[in-house]
């Protein structure tokens, strides 16, 4: 039987929030591209979208999933750098979603 570290709600809630924001960003990006309302600025992501939208979403979700696994593994002793990265990710995706909301409200 393996060791399972204790967890607090914050250590799991932040990566889950980041994953949800990432999914929303990916879905809204694909929608905006389909409408011709936006262009993907990141060349790697643009290439992934052209190749396979599932691969695009998988790559987008990789960071929050990896951070979530890392936080889960370290339990109630989250490393300050990891915690800050998750918070920065949540804030960054919040800004991205505000940008998406602006083009949606303007009608694309």
N, C-alpha and C. Protein backbone atom coordinates (compact mmCIF):
# COMPACT_ATOMS: atom_id res chain seq x y z
N UNK A 1 0.83 -1.17 0.00
CA UNK A 1 0.00 0.00 0.00
C UNK A 1 0.89 1.24 0.00
N UNK A 2 0.60 2.22 -0.88
CA UNK A 2 1.42 3.41 -1.03
C UNK A 2 1.04 4.50 -0.04
N UNK A 3 1.95 5.41 0.14
CA UNK A 3 1.74 6.55 1.02
C UNK A 3 0.90 7.59 0.29
N UNK A 4 -0.14 8.05 0.95
CA UNK A 4 -0.99 9.09 0.37
C UNK A 4 -0.89 10.33 1.25
N UNK A 5 -0.27 11.40 0.76
CA UNK A 5 -0.11 12.60 1.59
C UNK A 5 -1.44 13.27 1.87
N UNK A 6 -1.54 13.95 3.02
CA UNK A 6 -2.77 14.69 3.31
C UNK A 6 -2.92 15.86 2.34
N UNK A 7 -4.15 16.29 2.15
CA UNK A 7 -4.42 17.38 1.20
C UNK A 7 -5.29 18.43 1.86
N UNK A 8 -5.09 19.66 1.45
CA UNK A 8 -6.03 20.69 1.87
C UNK A 8 -6.82 21.12 0.64
N UNK A 9 -7.92 21.79 0.87
CA UNK A 9 -8.80 22.17 -0.24
C UNK A 9 -8.13 23.10 -1.23
N UNK A 10 -7.34 24.03 -0.74
CA UNK A 10 -6.69 25.00 -1.63
C UNK A 10 -5.73 24.30 -2.59
N UNK A 11 -5.00 23.30 -2.09
CA UNK A 11 -4.02 22.63 -2.94
C UNK A 11 -4.69 21.89 -4.09
N UNK A 12 -5.96 21.56 -3.96
CA UNK A 12 -6.69 20.89 -5.04
C UNK A 12 -7.61 21.85 -5.80
N UNK A 13 -8.10 22.87 -5.11
CA UNK A 13 -9.04 23.81 -5.74
C UNK A 13 -8.36 24.69 -6.79
N UNK A 14 -7.17 25.19 -6.49
CA UNK A 14 -6.49 26.06 -7.46
C UNK A 14 -6.19 25.36 -8.78
N UNK A 15 -5.61 24.15 -8.78
CA UNK A 15 -5.38 23.49 -10.08
C UNK A 15 -6.69 23.13 -10.78
N UNK A 16 -7.73 22.79 -10.02
CA UNK A 16 -9.03 22.49 -10.65
C UNK A 16 -9.58 23.75 -11.30
N UNK A 17 -9.46 24.89 -10.63
CA UNK A 17 -9.90 26.17 -11.20
C UNK A 17 -9.10 26.49 -12.45
N UNK A 18 -7.80 26.27 -12.38
CA UNK A 18 -6.94 26.51 -13.54
C UNK A 18 -7.34 25.62 -14.71
N UNK A 19 -7.66 24.37 -14.44
CA UNK A 19 -8.08 23.44 -15.50
C UNK A 19 -9.39 23.90 -16.15
N UNK A 20 -10.35 24.34 -15.34
CA UNK A 20 -11.63 24.83 -15.87
C UNK A 20 -11.41 26.08 -16.72
N UNK A 21 -10.59 27.01 -16.23
CA UNK A 21 -10.31 28.22 -17.01
C UNK A 21 -9.59 27.88 -18.31
N UNK A 22 -8.70 26.90 -18.26
CA UNK A 22 -7.98 26.47 -19.45
C UNK A 22 -8.95 25.87 -20.47
N UNK A 23 -9.88 25.03 -20.00
CA UNK A 23 -10.89 24.46 -20.90
C UNK A 23 -11.74 25.55 -21.54
N UNK A 24 -12.17 26.52 -20.73
CA UNK A 24 -12.96 27.63 -21.27
C UNK A 24 -12.16 28.41 -22.31
N UNK A 25 -10.90 28.70 -22.01
CA UNK A 25 -10.06 29.42 -22.96
C UNK A 25 -9.93 28.64 -24.26
N UNK A 26 -9.67 27.35 -24.16
CA UNK A 26 -9.54 26.53 -25.37
C UNK A 26 -10.81 26.51 -26.20
N UNK A 27 -11.95 26.30 -25.52
CA UNK A 27 -13.23 26.26 -26.24
C UNK A 27 -13.55 27.60 -26.88
N UNK A 28 -13.33 28.69 -26.14
CA UNK A 28 -13.61 30.02 -26.70
C UNK A 28 -12.65 30.38 -27.82
N UNK A 29 -11.41 29.92 -27.70
CA UNK A 29 -10.44 30.15 -28.78
C UNK A 29 -10.90 29.45 -30.05
N UNK A 30 -11.28 28.19 -29.93
CA UNK A 30 -11.75 27.44 -31.10
C UNK A 30 -12.99 28.08 -31.69
N UNK A 31 -13.89 28.54 -30.84
CA UNK A 31 -15.11 29.20 -31.30
C UNK A 31 -14.77 30.50 -32.04
N UNK A 32 -13.90 31.31 -31.43
CA UNK A 32 -13.51 32.56 -32.06
C UNK A 32 -12.80 32.36 -33.39
N UNK A 33 -11.96 31.32 -33.46
CA UNK A 33 -11.30 31.00 -34.73
C UNK A 33 -12.30 30.58 -35.79
N UNK A 34 -13.26 29.76 -35.38
CA UNK A 34 -14.28 29.29 -36.32
C UNK A 34 -15.11 30.45 -36.86
N UNK A 35 -15.38 31.44 -36.00
CA UNK A 35 -16.15 32.62 -36.43
C UNK A 35 -15.30 33.61 -37.21
N UNK A 36 -13.97 33.43 -37.17
CA UNK A 36 -13.09 34.39 -37.81
C UNK A 36 -12.93 35.66 -37.00
N UNK A 37 -13.30 35.62 -35.72
CA UNK A 37 -13.25 36.80 -34.87
C UNK A 37 -11.87 37.02 -34.25
N UNK A 38 -11.07 35.97 -34.16
CA UNK A 38 -9.75 36.09 -33.55
C UNK A 38 -8.74 35.28 -34.36
N UNK A 39 -7.49 35.48 -34.03
CA UNK A 39 -6.40 34.66 -34.56
C UNK A 39 -5.60 34.14 -33.39
N UNK A 40 -5.11 32.92 -33.49
CA UNK A 40 -4.25 32.37 -32.44
C UNK A 40 -2.87 32.99 -32.59
N UNK A 41 -2.40 33.68 -31.55
CA UNK A 41 -1.12 34.38 -31.62
C UNK A 41 0.07 33.45 -31.37
N UNK A 42 -0.15 32.38 -30.64
CA UNK A 42 0.92 31.45 -30.31
C UNK A 42 1.14 30.49 -31.49
N UNK A 43 2.32 30.53 -32.12
CA UNK A 43 2.55 29.70 -33.31
C UNK A 43 2.43 28.20 -33.04
N UNK A 44 2.87 27.74 -31.87
CA UNK A 44 2.74 26.32 -31.54
C UNK A 44 1.27 25.92 -31.43
N UNK A 45 0.50 26.73 -30.74
CA UNK A 45 -0.93 26.42 -30.59
C UNK A 45 -1.66 26.51 -31.93
N UNK A 46 -1.29 27.48 -32.74
CA UNK A 46 -1.90 27.61 -34.08
C UNK A 46 -1.62 26.35 -34.90
N UNK A 47 -0.37 25.86 -34.84
CA UNK A 47 0.00 24.65 -35.56
C UNK A 47 -0.79 23.46 -35.02
N UNK A 48 -0.91 23.35 -33.68
CA UNK A 48 -1.67 22.24 -33.10
C UNK A 48 -3.14 22.28 -33.52
N UNK A 49 -3.72 23.47 -33.54
CA UNK A 49 -5.12 23.60 -33.96
C UNK A 49 -5.27 23.13 -35.40
N UNK A 50 -4.32 23.51 -36.25
CA UNK A 50 -4.37 23.09 -37.66
C UNK A 50 -4.22 21.58 -37.80
N UNK A 51 -3.45 20.97 -36.90
CA UNK A 51 -3.20 19.53 -36.97
C UNK A 51 -4.35 18.73 -36.38
N UNK A 52 -4.76 19.12 -35.15
CA UNK A 52 -5.74 18.31 -34.43
C UNK A 52 -6.20 19.09 -33.20
N UNK A 53 -7.49 19.42 -33.14
CA UNK A 53 -7.98 20.22 -32.01
C UNK A 53 -7.92 19.44 -30.70
N UNK A 54 -7.99 18.12 -30.75
CA UNK A 54 -7.87 17.33 -29.52
C UNK A 54 -6.45 17.46 -28.97
N UNK A 55 -5.45 17.43 -29.85
CA UNK A 55 -4.07 17.63 -29.41
C UNK A 55 -3.90 19.03 -28.83
N UNK A 56 -4.52 20.02 -29.44
CA UNK A 56 -4.48 21.39 -28.94
C UNK A 56 -5.01 21.45 -27.51
N UNK A 57 -6.18 20.86 -27.27
CA UNK A 57 -6.77 20.88 -25.94
C UNK A 57 -5.92 20.07 -24.95
N UNK A 58 -5.34 18.97 -25.40
CA UNK A 58 -4.51 18.14 -24.51
C UNK A 58 -3.28 18.92 -24.06
N UNK A 59 -2.65 19.63 -24.98
CA UNK A 59 -1.47 20.43 -24.62
C UNK A 59 -1.87 21.56 -23.69
N UNK A 60 -3.01 22.21 -23.96
CA UNK A 60 -3.48 23.29 -23.09
C UNK A 60 -3.72 22.79 -21.67
N UNK A 61 -4.26 21.59 -21.54
CA UNK A 61 -4.59 21.05 -20.22
C UNK A 61 -3.39 20.45 -19.50
N UNK A 62 -2.29 20.24 -20.21
CA UNK A 62 -1.14 19.57 -19.60
C UNK A 62 -0.60 20.33 -18.39
N UNK A 63 -0.47 21.65 -18.49
CA UNK A 63 0.09 22.42 -17.38
C UNK A 63 -0.78 22.34 -16.12
N UNK A 64 -2.08 22.65 -16.18
CA UNK A 64 -2.85 22.56 -14.94
C UNK A 64 -2.89 21.14 -14.37
N UNK A 65 -2.91 20.15 -15.24
CA UNK A 65 -2.93 18.77 -14.74
C UNK A 65 -1.61 18.45 -14.05
N UNK A 66 -0.49 18.82 -14.67
CA UNK A 66 0.81 18.56 -14.05
C UNK A 66 0.97 19.31 -12.72
N UNK A 67 0.54 20.56 -12.69
CA UNK A 67 0.61 21.31 -11.44
C UNK A 67 -0.30 20.69 -10.37
N UNK A 68 -1.48 20.25 -10.78
CA UNK A 68 -2.40 19.60 -9.85
C UNK A 68 -1.82 18.32 -9.28
N UNK A 69 -1.20 17.50 -10.13
CA UNK A 69 -0.57 16.27 -9.67
C UNK A 69 0.57 16.59 -8.71
N UNK A 70 1.37 17.59 -9.07
CA UNK A 70 2.48 17.98 -8.20
C UNK A 70 1.97 18.44 -6.83
N UNK A 71 0.96 19.28 -6.83
CA UNK A 71 0.41 19.74 -5.55
C UNK A 71 -0.20 18.59 -4.75
N UNK A 72 -0.84 17.66 -5.43
CA UNK A 72 -1.43 16.51 -4.75
C UNK A 72 -0.33 15.66 -4.12
N UNK A 73 0.76 15.48 -4.86
CA UNK A 73 1.87 14.64 -4.35
C UNK A 73 2.55 15.26 -3.13
N UNK A 74 2.63 16.58 -3.07
CA UNK A 74 3.31 17.19 -1.94
C UNK A 74 2.35 17.49 -0.79
N UNK A 75 1.06 17.23 -0.99
CA UNK A 75 0.08 17.31 0.10
C UNK A 75 -0.04 18.69 0.71
N UNK A 76 -0.03 18.73 2.04
CA UNK A 76 -0.22 19.98 2.77
C UNK A 76 1.05 20.82 2.87
N UNK A 77 2.11 20.43 2.19
CA UNK A 77 3.35 21.16 2.22
C UNK A 77 3.66 21.72 0.83
N UNK A 78 2.73 22.46 0.24
CA UNK A 78 2.99 22.94 -1.12
C UNK A 78 4.20 23.86 -1.15
N UNK A 79 5.03 23.63 -2.11
CA UNK A 79 6.20 24.47 -2.33
C UNK A 79 5.71 25.84 -2.78
N UNK A 80 6.31 26.88 -2.26
CA UNK A 80 5.86 28.24 -2.56
C UNK A 80 5.88 28.53 -4.05
N UNK A 81 6.89 28.05 -4.77
CA UNK A 81 6.98 28.30 -6.20
C UNK A 81 5.82 27.66 -6.95
N UNK A 82 5.49 26.43 -6.61
CA UNK A 82 4.39 25.73 -7.28
C UNK A 82 3.08 26.45 -7.00
N UNK A 83 2.85 26.81 -5.76
CA UNK A 83 1.62 27.53 -5.41
C UNK A 83 1.52 28.85 -6.16
N UNK A 84 2.64 29.57 -6.25
CA UNK A 84 2.63 30.84 -6.99
C UNK A 84 2.37 30.64 -8.47
N UNK A 85 2.94 29.58 -9.03
CA UNK A 85 2.69 29.29 -10.45
C UNK A 85 1.22 29.04 -10.72
N UNK A 86 0.58 28.32 -9.83
CA UNK A 86 -0.85 28.04 -10.01
C UNK A 86 -1.65 29.33 -9.90
N UNK A 87 -1.35 30.16 -8.91
CA UNK A 87 -2.06 31.43 -8.75
C UNK A 87 -1.84 32.32 -9.97
N UNK A 88 -0.60 32.39 -10.45
CA UNK A 88 -0.30 33.19 -11.65
C UNK A 88 -1.08 32.64 -12.85
N UNK A 89 -1.14 31.33 -12.98
CA UNK A 89 -1.91 30.73 -14.07
C UNK A 89 -3.39 31.08 -14.00
N UNK A 90 -3.96 31.01 -12.80
CA UNK A 90 -5.38 31.37 -12.62
C UNK A 90 -5.60 32.83 -12.99
N UNK A 91 -4.73 33.71 -12.52
CA UNK A 91 -4.86 35.13 -12.85
C UNK A 91 -4.70 35.39 -14.35
N UNK A 92 -3.72 34.74 -14.95
CA UNK A 92 -3.49 34.93 -16.39
C UNK A 92 -4.69 34.47 -17.20
N UNK A 93 -5.24 33.30 -16.87
CA UNK A 93 -6.41 32.84 -17.60
C UNK A 93 -7.63 33.70 -17.32
N UNK A 94 -7.69 34.29 -16.14
CA UNK A 94 -8.77 35.24 -15.86
C UNK A 94 -8.70 36.43 -16.82
N UNK A 95 -7.50 36.95 -17.04
CA UNK A 95 -7.31 38.06 -17.98
C UNK A 95 -7.67 37.62 -19.40
N UNK A 96 -7.24 36.43 -19.78
CA UNK A 96 -7.54 35.90 -21.12
C UNK A 96 -9.05 35.78 -21.31
N UNK A 97 -9.75 35.28 -20.29
CA UNK A 97 -11.20 35.12 -20.41
C UNK A 97 -11.92 36.47 -20.47
N UNK A 98 -11.40 37.48 -19.79
CA UNK A 98 -11.97 38.83 -19.92
C UNK A 98 -11.81 39.31 -21.36
N UNK A 99 -10.65 39.03 -21.96
CA UNK A 99 -10.43 39.40 -23.36
C UNK A 99 -11.41 38.67 -24.27
N UNK A 100 -11.62 37.38 -24.02
CA UNK A 100 -12.60 36.62 -24.80
C UNK A 100 -14.00 37.23 -24.63
N UNK A 101 -14.34 37.59 -23.40
CA UNK A 101 -15.66 38.18 -23.16
C UNK A 101 -15.84 39.48 -23.93
N UNK A 102 -14.77 40.24 -24.06
CA UNK A 102 -14.87 41.51 -24.79
C UNK A 102 -15.21 41.27 -26.27
N UNK A 103 -14.55 40.30 -26.92
CA UNK A 103 -14.87 40.09 -28.32
C UNK A 103 -16.22 39.42 -28.49
N UNK A 104 -16.65 38.63 -27.50
CA UNK A 104 -17.98 38.04 -27.59
C UNK A 104 -19.05 39.12 -27.48
N UNK A 105 -18.87 40.02 -26.52
CA UNK A 105 -19.85 41.09 -26.32
C UNK A 105 -19.89 42.09 -27.47
N UNK A 106 -18.75 42.25 -28.15
CA UNK A 106 -18.72 43.12 -29.33
C UNK A 106 -19.29 42.43 -30.57
N UNK A 107 -19.65 41.18 -30.41
CA UNK A 107 -20.25 40.47 -31.55
C UNK A 107 -19.23 39.79 -32.42
N UNK A 108 -18.06 39.49 -31.87
CA UNK A 108 -17.05 38.75 -32.64
C UNK A 108 -16.12 39.58 -33.35
